[in-house]
Amino acid sequence: MTERPEGAPAQPQPQDQPSASPSAPPPGQAPPQTPTQAEIPAQPAQAEAPTQAAVPSAYPYPDPQSPAASPQPPAGYGPPVAPVAAQANPYGQPPGGYPPGGYPPGGYPPGGYPSLGAPPATGAGGRAVLWALVGAAVASAAWAGGVFLLGKDETEADLRGYRAKSDICPSVDYSSFKNEYPEEDDAPVNNSLEHAALDQSYCSISLKESSTSTLSDAYFSVQIDLHKKTDPGPEFTAMWSEYDQRYEDYEVEKVDGFGDEAYVITEDTTSGDDTSGSRSATLAVRDGWMTYEMRWSAYGSSYDDVTMPDVDDVVDWLKNDTNATLDNLRGADGI
């Protein structure tokens, strides 16, 4: 082996040098100490600059064409490139976490997806919805204010000029019955009721064939109701038009010429010459919110020598006297 001349530089080991050896140092200068690989600090990877701005991908995985995914070998010679740290969880949040409120308010860079944190649009559609909500609120407030200022809208009672009386019997006309019952009743019964919702007057008269009658031969009554809060029409129709549902012996007939509607209800349980049993007739009238009934009834037995008029005749008497009585109660002084 040939000995190295004195002063000649030491030759580096092959594994520590690149393929091309550097030129020898000038004479008289100590040869440079070649550091080992462990002593060489890590240098950032020298990658080729991209030709255009990198656009972040919507997917969490790195772009296979990006430098992070495929590091390029170093240019020239030198120590190897430090390895890129692998991402532990591709779906995890970025270092430091997301800012409060979600994604950044500025959104993604140009070319990316629109920002999720961008403020809502304020175009014509948004303004239309806003004005619709404002209009509904104003209408609701106006309605509430109107109810507060004006109060509840109540329909005025349609009484057609009728008045209830505390002493109604003098106003009752029953002249059609006096041929059959000539005896005058000296003590008729008057009842009345006065209320904010209802005024009512009632009269009951005993009918006698002669002064020798110790008991009434027939019963007669008139009642008038003034409904001041509610319309009695539907209930009046239901009660009188279906009155025959109560008993098999009653018959109902609707008649004209009396107020808004009127019904005649009759009953006759006698048979042939046998006058034992009962007979009755009622004329019910509704005129606006006023309701009215005029009734007649008689009872007989085989032990009494009593004659009762025919029901058809009594119906005619009721019609005549009802017209006269209603005229007396219309426009009269009330209770």
Foldseek 3Di string as FASTA:
>chain_A
DDDDDPQAADDDDPVQDDPDDDDFDDGPDHGDDRDDLVPDDADAADADDDPDDDFDDPFLDDDCPDCLNPPDFHPDDDHGHDHDDDDPDSPDAPPPGADPPDHDQVAGDPPDDGRPNDDDDDDPVNVVVVVVVVVVVVVVVVVVVCCVVVNDDADFADQQQFFAAQDQVVLFDLPLCCVQFVDFFPDWDWHWDDDQFKTKIKIKGAGHRDPPDPHGQKIKMKMKMAGGGDACVVVVCVCQVVVCVVDVQKDKDWDDDAAPTKIKIWGDPADDPFQADKIKIKIWGDHGRMIMIIIMMGGDHPVDPHDDDDNVSVVVSVVVRVVSSRVSRRNDDHD
